[in-house]
Structure formats: structure tokens, C-alpha cells
């Protein structure tokens, strides 16, 4: 299994569109900065055909130190979640089915 990095995205833009390496890196960095800035402002990020990044506020809750078993509070925090869009989900499931069928033969 491969991990896709910002550098991989920039390289792909460079190769497929013909941007310079510097331009491609700037575009990738700008894109992720826009997403991050929107989330920091408390805005949801919806990318058509891909999915949604949403913010959730979690309340303080009791937790447990796994080493000692001591009860410790888990502080309230804001978390980002990603929910896959239907088009992306369908593509992933289709690919997973194909891989599973290939393994059977």
C-alpha cells in the first residue's frame, strides 16, 4: 500500500499539466492552506465528488491511563472528521471488489 504525499501531488501536477516543480508545489501548498484556514474559521469544507471535512466539538469525558488504570479526564476539544462522498465511495468499493476478485483467481 502506498502513501500519497504533497510532494507526490506536486510531481503529478508537474508531469500531467506541465507546471514547473516550484509552481506545482505552490499550488498544492495553497490548496491545503485554504482547507486548513476554512477549518480554523469553523467552516465546513465540501469538495464535490470527493467528500466533506466537518468540525465536531467533543465534551470533556472520563478516560483511563492504560498503563496504570488510573482515571484521568480527557479534555474537551474540537476535531476534524472526513466523510467520503458517494462518487469516491463507489470508486473505492469498485476497486476493492476488483482486487478481491483478482485474489480469488
Protein backbone atom coordinates (compact mmCIF):
# COMPACT_ATOMS: atom_id res chain seq x y z
CA UNK A 1 0.00 0.00 0.00
CA UNK A 2 1.33 3.41 -0.97
CA UNK A 3 1.06 6.73 0.85
CA UNK A 4 0.25 9.80 -1.23
CA UNK A 5 2.18 12.89 -0.10
CA UNK A 6 2.11 16.58 -1.02
CA UNK A 7 5.33 16.01 -2.95
CA UNK A 8 3.62 13.24 -4.96
CA UNK A 9 0.72 15.56 -5.78
CA UNK A 10 3.12 18.30 -6.91
CA UNK A 11 5.09 15.83 -9.03
CA UNK A 12 1.87 14.62 -10.66
CA UNK A 13 0.85 18.23 -11.48
CA UNK A 14 4.32 18.80 -12.89
CA UNK A 15 4.15 15.72 -15.12
CA UNK A 16 0.49 15.88 -16.20
CA UNK A 17 -0.05 19.61 -16.65
CA UNK A 18 3.45 20.79 -17.38
CA UNK A 19 3.84 23.14 -14.45
CA UNK A 20 7.27 23.78 -13.07
CA UNK A 21 8.11 21.90 -9.89
CA UNK A 22 8.00 25.16 -7.93
CA UNK A 23 4.59 26.16 -9.34
CA UNK A 24 3.15 22.72 -8.62
CA UNK A 25 4.41 22.80 -5.02
CA UNK A 26 2.94 26.27 -4.51
CA UNK A 27 -0.47 25.19 -5.84
CA UNK A 28 -0.57 22.10 -3.61
CA UNK A 29 0.52 24.11 -0.58
CA UNK A 30 -2.05 26.84 -1.36
CA UNK A 31 -4.85 24.28 -1.68
CA UNK A 32 -4.13 22.68 1.70
CA UNK A 33 -3.69 26.11 3.30
CA UNK A 34 -7.15 27.11 2.05
CA UNK A 35 -8.70 23.94 3.51
CA UNK A 36 -6.89 24.44 6.83
CA UNK A 37 -7.83 28.15 7.03
CA UNK A 38 -11.50 27.35 6.42
CA UNK A 39 -11.48 24.72 9.17
CA UNK A 40 -9.73 27.09 11.59
CA UNK A 41 -12.52 29.63 10.95
CA UNK A 42 -15.06 26.94 11.84
CA UNK A 43 -16.28 26.47 8.27
CA UNK A 44 -17.09 23.10 6.73
CA UNK A 45 -15.16 22.14 3.61
CA UNK A 46 -17.17 20.41 0.89
CA UNK A 47 -15.38 19.06 -2.16
CA UNK A 48 -17.84 17.92 -4.80
CA UNK A 49 -17.36 14.30 -5.82
CA UNK A 50 -14.85 13.72 -3.02
CA UNK A 51 -16.27 14.38 0.44
CA UNK A 52 -16.73 16.75 3.37
CA UNK A 53 -14.46 17.87 6.18
CA UNK A 54 -16.55 18.83 9.20
CA UNK A 55 -15.78 20.07 12.70
CA UNK A 56 -17.15 18.49 15.87
CA UNK A 57 -16.83 19.76 19.41
CA UNK A 58 -16.25 16.96 21.89
CA UNK A 59 -17.08 17.39 25.55
CA UNK A 60 -14.70 16.55 28.36
CA UNK A 61 -15.06 12.88 29.29
CA UNK A 62 -13.54 10.42 31.72
CA UNK A 63 -10.66 8.36 30.38
CA UNK A 64 -8.25 5.82 31.74
CA UNK A 65 -4.45 5.56 31.68
CA UNK A 66 -3.89 2.16 30.04
CA UNK A 67 -0.66 1.58 31.95
CA UNK A 68 -1.82 2.35 35.46
CA UNK A 69 -5.59 2.06 35.15
CA UNK A 70 -5.87 5.49 36.79
CA UNK A 71 -8.89 7.52 35.73
CA UNK A 72 -7.93 10.78 34.03
CA UNK A 73 -10.11 13.40 32.32
CA UNK A 74 -9.89 13.69 28.52
CA UNK A 75 -10.19 17.41 27.83
CA UNK A 76 -12.82 18.98 25.60
CA UNK A 77 -11.58 19.55 22.09
CA UNK A 78 -12.58 20.28 18.53
CA UNK A 79 -11.89 17.54 15.99
CA UNK A 80 -12.00 17.36 12.20
CA UNK A 81 -13.75 14.43 10.56
CA UNK A 82 -13.90 13.43 6.92
CA UNK A 83 -16.95 11.85 5.35
CA UNK A 84 -16.41 10.31 1.95
CA UNK A 85 -18.72 11.40 -0.87
CA UNK A 86 -20.84 8.89 -2.78
CA UNK A 87 -18.80 9.10 -6.01
CA UNK A 88 -15.50 8.47 -4.22
CA UNK A 89 -17.02 5.73 -2.10
CA UNK A 90 -18.35 3.97 -5.21
CA UNK A 91 -14.91 4.14 -6.90
CA UNK A 92 -13.14 2.75 -3.83
CA UNK A 93 -15.66 -0.07 -3.43
CA UNK A 94 -15.45 -0.94 -7.13
CA UNK A 95 -11.65 -1.10 -6.91
CA UNK A 96 -11.79 -3.19 -3.72
CA UNK A 97 -14.19 -5.67 -5.35
CA UNK A 98 -11.88 -5.99 -8.35
CA UNK A 99 -8.86 -6.62 -6.13
CA UNK A 100 -10.80 -9.21 -4.15
CA UNK A 101 -11.84 -10.99 -7.36
CA UNK A 102 -8.25 -10.92 -8.62
CA UNK A 103 -7.11 -12.57 -5.36
CA UNK A 104 -9.68 -15.34 -5.80
CA UNK A 105 -8.28 -16.36 -9.19
